[in-house]
């Protein structure tokens, strides 16, 4: 079953581009990465899924139901953490979270206590006295207190210190293990690579690739470093090689193609050490955007 199904989704703000002809699906139980730089259309896509804005054309469904026609009903089963959180000033954290819990047709009190404890959140403090990081913790608890079937995260770790980021990632894994589907939007690509099984890359409002992360790494360039004293770098400048650089510690290059052809060439050279690695998601992303 596809939890999210997007078909030719397009959004214009007047004459300004939001997203263009976007189509993808998110499978039940997966952690799906949605990546792109600021302004690529990530937040627009999320707001359309949540029916906070309406599309110019195309459609999107969640749990098989149209996001616009059934928006209020669907949000009972969606947990959302926006990139920036804003709250009523003057309220205490506990009052605000109990107020948020009242919108759901279930008893959230036990889960609210568990999450607040896990995130080291003081429920007695006033929201307007909190730091940005602690406000983000409030957003995390608010987004998860009703045990949603779909969790939508938009730049979720901004403001969290490294220890709390680790706690947050462990929490998301636990939510996924209990059956929640996760839609993870971020420009911090190491986080996406750490959590997600598939990733969609969006550029200027359009989807430019969607693949399993391992497949994306396997089918992309290899990063090669070799120690070969006295070897002219030009001998390695063959079809499929890019980014060839010579440094004090050896030669580095990226290669895409039949690796046997390149290793056959390397075998004929006086090489004392050789390392072949998959590119990181960040390096693949930079290749697409360059």
C-alpha atoms as a PDB file:
ATOM      1  CA  UNK A   1       0.000   0.000   0.000  1.00  0.00           C
ATOM      2  CA  UNK A   2       1.164   3.532  -0.780  1.00  0.00           C
ATOM      3  CA  UNK A   3       0.634   5.854   2.175  1.00  0.00           C
ATOM      4  CA  UNK A   4       1.310   8.918  -0.029  1.00  0.00           C
ATOM      5  CA  UNK A   5       0.537   9.071  -3.749  1.00  0.00           C
ATOM      6  CA  UNK A   6       1.352  12.270  -5.649  1.00  0.00           C
ATOM      7  CA  UNK A   7       0.280  12.634  -9.295  1.00  0.00           C
ATOM      8  CA  UNK A   8       1.432  15.541 -11.502  1.00  0.00           C
ATOM      9  CA  UNK A   9       1.192  17.940  -8.577  1.00  0.00           C
ATOM     10  CA  UNK A  10       1.777  21.582  -9.555  1.00  0.00           C
ATOM     11  CA  UNK A  11       1.603  24.773  -7.541  1.00  0.00           C
ATOM     12  CA  UNK A  12       2.109  28.366  -8.697  1.00  0.00           C
ATOM     13  CA  UNK A  13       2.019  31.409  -6.428  1.00  0.00           C
ATOM     14  CA  UNK A  14       0.691  33.867  -8.975  1.00  0.00           C
ATOM     15  CA  UNK A  15       3.411  33.754 -11.626  1.00  0.00           C
ATOM     16  CA  UNK A  16       6.034  32.357  -9.241  1.00  0.00           C
ATOM     17  CA  UNK A  17       6.944  28.681  -9.394  1.00  0.00           C
ATOM     18  CA  UNK A  18       6.240  26.438  -6.417  1.00  0.00           C
ATOM     19  CA  UNK A  19       6.438  22.867  -7.747  1.00  0.00           C
ATOM     20  CA  UNK A  20       5.994  21.504 -11.277  1.00  0.00           C
ATOM     21  CA  UNK A  21       4.428  18.189 -12.341  1.00  0.00           C
ATOM     22  CA  UNK A  22       5.593  16.310  -9.261  1.00  0.00           C
ATOM     23  CA  UNK A  23       4.817  12.565  -9.096  1.00  0.00           C
ATOM     24  CA  UNK A  24       6.040  10.071  -6.484  1.00  0.00           C
ATOM     25  CA  UNK A  25       4.768   7.591  -3.901  1.00  0.00           C
ATOM     26  CA  UNK A  26       5.719   6.694  -0.342  1.00  0.00           C
ATOM     27  CA  UNK A  27       5.298   3.084   0.726  1.00  0.00           C
ATOM     28  CA  UNK A  28       3.724   2.026   3.976  1.00  0.00           C
ATOM     29  CA  UNK A  29       6.298   1.591   6.739  1.00  0.00           C
ATOM     30  CA  UNK A  30       9.248   3.231   4.979  1.00  0.00           C
ATOM     31  CA  UNK A  31      11.359   6.242   5.907  1.00  0.00           C
ATOM     32  CA  UNK A  32      11.313   8.367   2.768  1.00  0.00           C
ATOM     33  CA  UNK A  33      13.811  11.175   2.217  1.00  0.00           C
ATOM     34  CA  UNK A  34      12.847  14.341   0.345  1.00  0.00           C
ATOM     35  CA  UNK A  35      15.856  16.530  -0.371  1.00  0.00           C
ATOM     36  CA  UNK A  36      16.702  19.763  -2.118  1.00  0.00           C
ATOM     37  CA  UNK A  37      18.111  23.204  -1.297  1.00  0.00           C
ATOM     38  CA  UNK A  38      16.073  26.075   0.089  1.00  0.00           C
ATOM     39  CA  UNK A  39      13.500  27.189  -2.480  1.00  0.00           C
ATOM     40  CA  UNK A  40      13.386  23.858  -4.327  1.00  0.00           C
ATOM     41  CA  UNK A  41       9.749  23.203  -3.345  1.00  0.00           C
ATOM     42  CA  UNK A  42      10.038  20.902  -0.328  1.00  0.00           C
ATOM     43  CA  UNK A  43       7.871  22.939   2.042  1.00  0.00           C
ATOM     44  CA  UNK A  44       5.353  23.699  -0.711  1.00  0.00           C
ATOM     45  CA  UNK A  45       4.931  19.953  -1.264  1.00  0.00           C
ATOM     46  CA  UNK A  46       4.397  19.340   2.457  1.00  0.00           C
ATOM     47  CA  UNK A  47       1.835  22.152   2.752  1.00  0.00           C
ATOM     48  CA  UNK A  48      -0.073  20.661  -0.184  1.00  0.00           C
ATOM     49  CA  UNK A  49      -0.057  17.215   1.454  1.00  0.00           C
ATOM     50  CA  UNK A  50      -1.444  18.769   4.631  1.00  0.00           C
ATOM     51  CA  UNK A  51      -4.038  20.776   2.624  1.00  0.00           C
ATOM     52  CA  UNK A  52      -2.707  23.991   4.139  1.00  0.00           C
ATOM     53  CA  UNK A  53      -2.575  25.305   0.552  1.00  0.00           C
ATOM     54  CA  UNK A  54      -4.326  24.062  -2.570  1.00  0.00           C
ATOM     55  CA  UNK A  55      -2.685  22.846  -5.787  1.00  0.00           C
ATOM     56  CA  UNK A  56      -2.856  24.625  -9.120  1.00  0.00           C
ATOM     57  CA  UNK A  57      -3.252  21.205 -10.763  1.00  0.00           C
ATOM     58  CA  UNK A  58      -2.606  17.538 -10.078  1.00  0.00           C
ATOM     59  CA  UNK A  59      -3.580  15.539  -7.007  1.00  0.00           C
ATOM     60  CA  UNK A  60      -2.255  13.932  -3.834  1.00  0.00           C
ATOM     61  CA  UNK A  61      -3.708  11.199  -1.650  1.00  0.00           C
ATOM     62  CA  UNK A  62      -2.827   9.956   1.832  1.00  0.00           C
ATOM     63  CA  UNK A  63      -4.070   6.516   2.935  1.00  0.00           C
ATOM     64  CA  UNK A  64      -5.908   6.406  -0.395  1.00  0.00           C
ATOM     65  CA  UNK A  65      -7.982   9.550   0.301  1.00  0.00           C
ATOM     66  CA  UNK A  66      -7.686  12.921  -1.394  1.00  0.00           C
ATOM     67  CA  UNK A  67      -5.647  15.373   0.693  1.00  0.00           C
ATOM     68  CA  UNK A  68      -7.943  18.317  -0.019  1.00  0.00           C
ATOM     69  CA  UNK A  69     -11.351  16.637   0.255  1.00  0.00           C
ATOM     70  CA  UNK A  70     -10.437  14.694   3.417  1.00  0.00           C
ATOM     71  CA  UNK A  71      -7.779  16.988   4.926  1.00  0.00           C
ATOM     72  CA  UNK A  72      -9.261  17.437   8.403  1.00  0.00           C
ATOM     73  CA  UNK A  73     -10.011  13.720   8.729  1.00  0.00           C
ATOM     74  CA  UNK A  74      -6.536  12.682   7.520  1.00  0.00           C
ATOM     75  CA  UNK A  75      -4.765  14.976   9.957  1.00  0.00           C
ATOM     76  CA  UNK A  76      -6.032  12.787  12.825  1.00  0.00           C
ATOM     77  CA  UNK A  77      -3.425  10.231  11.699  1.00  0.00           C
ATOM     78  CA  UNK A  78      -0.620  12.614  10.688  1.00  0.00           C
ATOM     79  CA  UNK A  79       2.122  14.008  12.912  1.00  0.00           C
ATOM     80  CA  UNK A  80       3.763  17.149  11.527  1.00  0.00           C
ATOM     81  CA  UNK A  81       6.904  18.943  12.664  1.00  0.00           C
ATOM     82  CA  UNK A  82       7.442  22.185  10.680  1.00  0.00           C
ATOM     83  CA  UNK A  83      10.858  23.708  10.126  1.00  0.00           C
ATOM     84  CA  UNK A  84       9.918  26.614  12.417  1.00  0.00           C
ATOM     85  CA  UNK A  85       7.525  26.328  15.346  1.00  0.00           C
ATOM     86  CA  UNK A  86       5.319  29.133  16.666  1.00  0.00           C
ATOM     87  CA  UNK A  87       3.094  28.993  19.744  1.00  0.00           C
ATOM     88  CA  UNK A  88       0.703  31.055  21.806  1.00  0.00           C
ATOM     89  CA  UNK A  89       2.790  33.215  24.085  1.00  0.00           C
ATOM     90  CA  UNK A  90       2.082  33.097  27.817  1.00  0.00           C
ATOM     91  CA  UNK A  91       1.018  29.433  27.902  1.00  0.00           C
ATOM     92  CA  UNK A  92       2.904  26.853  29.888  1.00  0.00           C
ATOM     93  CA  UNK A  93       4.353  23.940  27.913  1.00  0.00           C
ATOM     94  CA  UNK A  94       2.102  21.386  29.633  1.00  0.00           C
ATOM     95  CA  UNK A  95      -1.041  23.435  28.981  1.00  0.00           C
ATOM     96  CA  UNK A  96      -0.106  23.900  25.333  1.00  0.00           C
ATOM     97  CA  UNK A  97       0.538  20.185  24.784  1.00  0.00           C
ATOM     98  CA  UNK A  98      -2.692  19.154  26.537  1.00  0.00           C
ATOM     99  CA  UNK A  99      -4.532  21.672  24.364  1.00  0.00           C
ATOM    100  CA  UNK A 100      -2.906  20.156  21.250  1.00  0.00           C
ATOM    101  CA  UNK A 101      -3.840  16.650  22.444  1.00  0.00           C
ATOM    102  CA  UNK A 102      -7.505  17.690  22.755  1.00  0.00           C
ATOM    103  CA  UNK A 103      -7.792  17.849  18.950  1.00  0.00           C
ATOM    104  CA  UNK A 104      -7.339  14.075  18.631  1.00  0.00           C
ATOM    105  CA  UNK A 105     -10.005  11.474  19.231  1.00  0.00           C
ATOM    106  CA  UNK A 106      -7.817   9.413  21.586  1.00  0.00           C
ATOM    107  CA  UNK A 107      -6.249   9.550  25.030  1.00  0.00           C
ATOM    108  CA  UNK A 108      -2.761  11.036  24.563  1.00  0.00           C
ATOM    109  CA  UNK A 109      -1.866  11.670  28.216  1.00  0.00           C
ATOM    110  CA  UNK A 110       0.459   8.711  28.755  1.00  0.00           C
ATOM    111  CA  UNK A 111       2.300   9.253  25.458  1.00  0.00           C
ATOM    112  CA  UNK A 112       2.608  12.971  26.200  1.00  0.00           C
ATOM    113  CA  UNK A 113       4.315  12.192  29.524  1.00  0.00           C
ATOM    114  CA  UNK A 114       6.649   9.618  27.944  1.00  0.00           C
ATOM    115  CA  UNK A 115       7.749  11.928  25.146  1.00  0.00           C
ATOM    116  CA  UNK A 116       8.236  14.922  27.436  1.00  0.00           C
ATOM    117  CA  UNK A 117      10.455  12.831  29.673  1.00  0.00           C
ATOM    118  CA  UNK A 118      12.440  11.486  26.729  1.00  0.00           C
ATOM    119  CA  UNK A 119      12.998  14.961  25.275  1.00  0.00           C
ATOM    120  CA  UNK A 120      13.866  16.382  28.733  1.00  0.00           C
ATOM    121  CA  UNK A 121      11.094  18.938  28.449  1.00  0.00           C
ATOM    122  CA  UNK A 122       9.973  20.918  31.498  1.00  0.00           C
ATOM    123  CA  UNK A 123       6.159  21.104  31.234  1.00  0.00           C
ATOM    124  CA  UNK A 124       5.925  23.839  33.863  1.00  0.00           C
ATOM    125  CA  UNK A 125       7.896  26.447  31.899  1.00  0.00           C
ATOM    126  CA  UNK A 126       6.271  29.191  29.842  1.00  0.00           C
ATOM    127  CA  UNK A 127       6.649  28.819  26.087  1.00  0.00           C
ATOM    128  CA  UNK A 128       7.933  32.385  25.630  1.00  0.00           C
ATOM    129  CA  UNK A 129      10.813  31.638  28.062  1.00  0.00           C
ATOM    130  CA  UNK A 130      12.086  28.707  25.984  1.00  0.00           C
ATOM    131  CA  UNK A 131      15.151  28.714  23.755  1.00  0.00           C
ATOM    132  CA  UNK A 132      14.761  27.853  20.067  1.00  0.00           C
ATOM    133  CA  UNK A 133      15.986  24.308  20.732  1.00  0.00           C
ATOM    134  CA  UNK A 134      13.491  23.749  23.547  1.00  0.00           C
ATOM    135  CA  UNK A 135      10.670  25.097  21.392  1.00  0.00           C
ATOM    136  CA  UNK A 136      11.695  22.503  18.814  1.00  0.00           C
ATOM    137  CA  UNK A 137      11.363  19.821  21.492  1.00  0.00           C
ATOM    138  CA  UNK A 138       7.809  21.031  22.142  1.00  0.00           C
ATOM    139  CA  UNK A 139       7.137  20.642  18.410  1.00  0.00           C
ATOM    140  CA  UNK A 140       8.475  17.079  18.435  1.00  0.00           C
ATOM    141  CA  UNK A 141       6.266  16.078  21.368  1.00  0.00           C
ATOM    142  CA  UNK A 142       3.252  17.809  19.822  1.00  0.00           C
ATOM    143  CA  UNK A 143       3.809  16.020  16.495  1.00  0.00           C
ATOM    144  CA  UNK A 144       4.098  12.551  18.014  1.00  0.00           C
ATOM    145  CA  UNK A 145       1.840  12.562  21.104  1.00  0.00           C
ATOM    146  CA  UNK A 146      -1.114  10.999  19.241  1.00  0.00           C
ATOM    147  CA  UNK A 147       0.978   8.085  17.825  1.00  0.00           C
ATOM    148  CA  UNK A 148       0.384   9.049  14.175  1.00  0.00           C
ATOM    149  CA  UNK A 149       0.447   6.564  11.304  1.00  0.00           C
ATOM    150  CA  UNK A 150       2.262   9.091   9.088  1.00  0.00           C
ATOM    151  CA  UNK A 151       4.998  11.416  10.396  1.00  0.00           C
ATOM    152  CA  UNK A 152       5.974  14.416   8.257  1.00  0.00           C
ATOM    153  CA  UNK A 153       9.223  16.108   9.260  1.00  0.00           C
ATOM    154  CA  UNK A 154      10.433  19.384   7.735  1.00  0.00           C
ATOM    155  CA  UNK A 155      14.051  20.183   8.749  1.00  0.00           C
ATOM    156  CA  UNK A 156      13.381  18.541  12.139  1.00  0.00           C
ATOM    157  CA  UNK A 157      16.759  18.824  13.877  1.00  0.00           C
ATOM    158  CA  UNK A 158      17.391  22.575  13.543  1.00  0.00           C
ATOM    159  CA  UNK A 159      18.122  23.948  17.009  1.00  0.00           C
ATOM    160  CA  UNK A 160      18.734  20.571  18.670  1.00  0.00           C
ATOM    161  CA  UNK A 161      22.138  19.883  20.224  1.00  0.00           C
ATOM    162  CA  UNK A 162      24.018  16.739  19.062  1.00  0.00           C
ATOM    163  CA  UNK A 163      22.916  14.615  22.042  1.00  0.00           C
ATOM    164  CA  UNK A 164      19.265  15.534  21.560  1.00  0.00           C
ATOM    165  CA  UNK A 165      19.578  14.904  17.814  1.00  0.00           C
ATOM    166  CA  UNK A 166      20.672  11.352  18.605  1.00  0.00           C
ATOM    167  CA  UNK A 167      17.699  10.936  20.949  1.00  0.00           C
ATOM    168  CA  UNK A 168      15.409  12.273  18.234  1.00  0.00           C
ATOM    169  CA  UNK A 169      16.751   9.848  15.593  1.00  0.00           C
ATOM    170  CA  UNK A 170      16.309   6.921  17.991  1.00  0.00           C
ATOM    171  CA  UNK A 171      12.739   8.067  18.631  1.00  0.00           C
ATOM    172  CA  UNK A 172      11.929   8.237  14.916  1.00  0.00           C
ATOM    173  CA  UNK A 173      13.356   4.737  14.410  1.00  0.00           C
ATOM    174  CA  UNK A 174      11.144   3.464  17.240  1.00  0.00           C
ATOM    175  CA  UNK A 175       8.085   5.130  15.698  1.00  0.00           C
ATOM    176  CA  UNK A 176       8.943   3.535  12.360  1.00  0.00           C
ATOM    177  CA  UNK A 177       9.418   0.115  13.972  1.00  0.00           C
ATOM    178  CA  UNK A 178       5.942   0.315  15.507  1.00  0.00           C
ATOM    179  CA  UNK A 179       4.571   0.840  11.979  1.00  0.00           C
ATOM    180  CA  UNK A 180       4.625   4.589  11.310  1.00  0.00           C
ATOM    181  CA  UNK A 181       5.591   5.808   7.843  1.00  0.00           C
ATOM    182  CA  UNK A 182       8.028   8.738   7.861  1.00  0.00           C
ATOM    183  CA  UNK A 183       8.345  11.522   5.260  1.00  0.00           C
ATOM    184  CA  UNK A 184      11.667  13.211   6.047  1.00  0.00           C
ATOM    185  CA  UNK A 185      12.411  16.518   4.321  1.00  0.00           C
ATOM    186  CA  UNK A 186      15.840  18.014   4.903  1.00  0.00           C
ATOM    187  CA  UNK A 187      18.868  19.645   3.344  1.00  0.00           C
ATOM    188  CA  UNK A 188      21.171  17.994   5.907  1.00  0.00           C
ATOM    189  CA  UNK A 189      21.978  15.019   3.724  1.00  0.00           C
ATOM    190  CA  UNK A 190      23.937  13.025   6.299  1.00  0.00           C
ATOM    191  CA  UNK A 191      20.696  12.821   8.325  1.00  0.00           C
ATOM    192  CA  UNK A 192      18.742  11.561   5.334  1.00  0.00           C
ATOM    193  CA  UNK A 193      21.405   8.971   4.544  1.00  0.00           C
ATOM    194  CA  UNK A 194      21.357   7.861   8.179  1.00  0.00           C
ATOM    195  CA  UNK A 195      17.602   7.256   8.367  1.00  0.00           C
ATOM    196  CA  UNK A 196      16.021   6.813   4.941  1.00  0.00           C
ATOM    197  CA  UNK A 197      15.639   3.799   2.669  1.00  0.00           C
ATOM    198  CA  UNK A 198      14.600   5.784  -0.435  1.00  0.00           C
ATOM    199  CA  UNK A 199      15.233   9.363  -1.425  1.00  0.00           C
ATOM    200  CA  UNK A 200      13.676  11.828  -3.870  1.00  0.00           C
ATOM    201  CA  UNK A 201      15.814  14.711  -5.127  1.00  0.00           C
ATOM    202  CA  UNK A 202      13.941  17.886  -6.079  1.00  0.00           C
ATOM    203  CA  UNK A 203      15.456  20.753  -8.068  1.00  0.00           C
ATOM    204  CA  UNK A 204      13.690  23.999  -8.990  1.00  0.00           C
ATOM    205  CA  UNK A 205      10.306  22.435  -8.256  1.00  0.00           C
ATOM    206  CA  UNK A 206      10.868  19.290 -10.326  1.00  0.00           C
ATOM    207  CA  UNK A 207      11.721  15.738  -9.311  1.00  0.00           C
ATOM    208  CA  UNK A 208      15.091  14.846 -10.831  1.00  0.00           C
ATOM    209  CA  UNK A 209      15.679  11.425  -9.257  1.00  0.00           C
ATOM    210  CA  UNK A 210      13.978   8.929  -6.949  1.00  0.00           C
ATOM    211  CA  UNK A 211      15.811   5.799  -5.909  1.00  0.00           C
ATOM    212  CA  UNK A 212      16.751   3.463  -3.114  1.00  0.00           C
ATOM    213  CA  UNK A 213      19.753   5.100  -1.406  1.00  0.00           C
ATOM    214  CA  UNK A 214      21.971   2.042  -1.885  1.00  0.00           C
ATOM    215  CA  UNK A 215      21.069   1.851  -5.577  1.00  0.00           C
ATOM    216  CA  UNK A 216      21.704   5.565  -5.959  1.00  0.00           C
ATOM    217  CA  UNK A 217      25.165   5.136  -4.470  1.00  0.00           C
ATOM    218  CA  UNK A 218      25.962   1.924  -6.381  1.00  0.00           C
ATOM    219  CA  UNK A 219      24.910   3.268  -9.787  1.00  0.00           C
ATOM    220  CA  UNK A 220      26.541   6.650  -9.342  1.00  0.00           C
ATOM    221  CA  UNK A 221      30.197   7.634  -9.420  1.00  0.00           C
ATOM    222  CA  UNK A 222      32.792   5.771  -7.379  1.00  0.00           C
ATOM    223  CA  UNK A 223      35.300   7.792  -5.392  1.00  0.00           C
ATOM    224  CA  UNK A 224      38.816   6.422  -5.929  1.00  0.00           C
ATOM    225  CA  UNK A 225      42.028   7.259  -4.156  1.00  0.00           C
ATOM    226  CA  UNK A 226      45.344   5.686  -5.134  1.00  0.00           C
ATOM    227  CA  UNK A 227      48.935   6.076  -4.042  1.00  0.00           C
ATOM    228  CA  UNK A 228      51.115   5.777  -7.140  1.00  0.00           C
ATOM    229  CA  UNK A 229      54.372   7.725  -6.817  1.00  0.00           C
ATOM    230  CA  UNK A 230      55.706   9.095 -10.086  1.00  0.00           C
ATOM    231  CA  UNK A 231      52.584   8.265 -12.130  1.00  0.00           C
ATOM    232  CA  UNK A 232      51.471  10.988 -14.562  1.00  0.00           C
ATOM    233  CA  UNK A 233      47.810  11.782 -13.674  1.00  0.00           C
ATOM    234  CA  UNK A 234      47.037  12.077 -17.402  1.00  0.00           C
ATOM    235  CA  UNK A 235      47.417   8.299 -17.706  1.00  0.00           C
ATOM    236  CA  UNK A 236      44.199   7.973 -15.716  1.00  0.00           C
ATOM    237  CA  UNK A 237      42.239  10.530 -17.739  1.00  0.00           C
ATOM    238  CA  UNK A 238      40.029   8.004 -19.552  1.00  0.00           C
ATOM    239  CA  UNK A 239      36.322   7.850 -20.365  1.00  0.00           C
ATOM    240  CA  UNK A 240      34.221   7.918 -17.178  1.00  0.00           C
ATOM    241  CA  UNK A 241      36.812   9.720 -15.056  1.00  0.00           C
ATOM    242  CA  UNK A 242      35.992  13.135 -13.595  1.00  0.00           C
ATOM    243  CA  UNK A 243      37.438  15.325 -10.866  1.00  0.00           C
ATOM    244  CA  UNK A 244      40.969  13.954 -11.231  1.00  0.00           C
ATOM    245  CA  UNK A 245      43.268  15.626  -8.715  1.00  0.00           C
ATOM    246  CA  UNK A 246      46.868  15.063  -7.682  1.00  0.00           C
ATOM    247  CA  UNK A 247      47.862  15.758  -4.083  1.00  0.00           C
ATOM    248  CA  UNK A 248      50.687  15.097  -1.690  1.00  0.00           C
ATOM    249  CA  UNK A 249      49.005  11.886  -0.515  1.00  0.00           C
ATOM    250  CA  UNK A 250      48.213  10.518  -3.988  1.00  0.00           C
ATOM    251  CA  UNK A 251      45.632  10.785  -6.748  1.00  0.00           C
ATOM    252  CA  UNK A 252      41.843  11.103  -6.294  1.00  0.00           C
ATOM    253  CA  UNK A 253      39.156  10.827  -8.945  1.00  0.00           C
ATOM    254  CA  UNK A 254      35.504   9.985  -9.512  1.00  0.00           C
ATOM    255  CA  UNK A 255      34.604   7.221 -11.954  1.00  0.00           C
ATOM    256  CA  UNK A 256      31.354   6.071 -13.517  1.00  0.00           C
ATOM    257  CA  UNK A 257      31.248   3.111 -15.878  1.00  0.00           C
ATOM    258  CA  UNK A 258      32.727  -0.384 -16.048  1.00  0.00           C
ATOM    259  CA  UNK A 259      35.012  -0.486 -13.012  1.00  0.00           C
ATOM    260  CA  UNK A 260      36.911  -3.456 -14.490  1.00  0.00           C
ATOM    261  CA  UNK A 261      38.168  -1.235 -17.284  1.00  0.00           C
ATOM    262  CA  UNK A 262      39.631   1.236 -14.814  1.00  0.00           C
ATOM    263  CA  UNK A 263      41.094  -1.373 -12.437  1.00  0.00           C
ATOM    264  CA  UNK A 264      42.719  -3.059 -15.431  1.00  0.00           C
ATOM    265  CA  UNK A 265      44.466   0.230 -16.207  1.00  0.00           C
ATOM    266  CA  UNK A 266      45.425   0.757 -12.562  1.00  0.00           C
ATOM    267  CA  UNK A 267      46.900  -2.781 -12.431  1.00  0.00           C
ATOM    268  CA  UNK A 268      49.450  -1.745 -15.046  1.00  0.00           C
ATOM    269  CA  UNK A 269      50.705   1.132 -12.870  1.00  0.00           C
ATOM    270  CA  UNK A 270      53.084   1.060  -9.869  1.00  0.00           C
ATOM    271  CA  UNK A 271      50.308   1.486  -7.275  1.00  0.00           C
ATOM    272  CA  UNK A 272      51.095   0.943  -3.586  1.00  0.00           C
ATOM    273  CA  UNK A 273      47.581   1.530  -2.220  1.00  0.00           C
ATOM    274  CA  UNK A 274      44.048   1.753  -3.635  1.00  0.00           C
ATOM    275  CA  UNK A 275      40.696   2.725  -2.061  1.00  0.00           C
ATOM    276  CA  UNK A 276      37.326   2.602  -3.869  1.00  0.00           C
ATOM    277  CA  UNK A 277      34.283   4.057  -2.092  1.00  0.00           C
ATOM    278  CA  UNK A 278      30.671   4.870  -2.883  1.00  0.00           C
ATOM    279  CA  UNK A 279      29.907   8.573  -2.935  1.00  0.00           C
ATOM    280  CA  UNK A 280      28.013   9.930   0.051  1.00  0.00           C
ATOM    281  CA  UNK A 281      24.493  11.198  -0.538  1.00  0.00           C
ATOM    282  CA  UNK A 282      25.844  14.731  -0.154  1.00  0.00           C
ATOM    283  CA  UNK A 283      28.393  14.181  -2.932  1.00  0.00           C
ATOM    284  CA  UNK A 284      25.727  12.683  -5.219  1.00  0.00           C
ATOM    285  CA  UNK A 285      23.444  15.625  -4.478  1.00  0.00           C
ATOM    286  CA  UNK A 286      26.182  18.139  -5.329  1.00  0.00           C
ATOM    287  CA  UNK A 287      26.796  16.308  -8.609  1.00  0.00           C
ATOM    288  CA  UNK A 288      23.126  16.719  -9.574  1.00  0.00           C
ATOM    289  CA  UNK A 289      23.125  20.394  -8.682  1.00  0.00           C
ATOM    290  CA  UNK A 290      26.388  21.172 -10.439  1.00  0.00           C
END
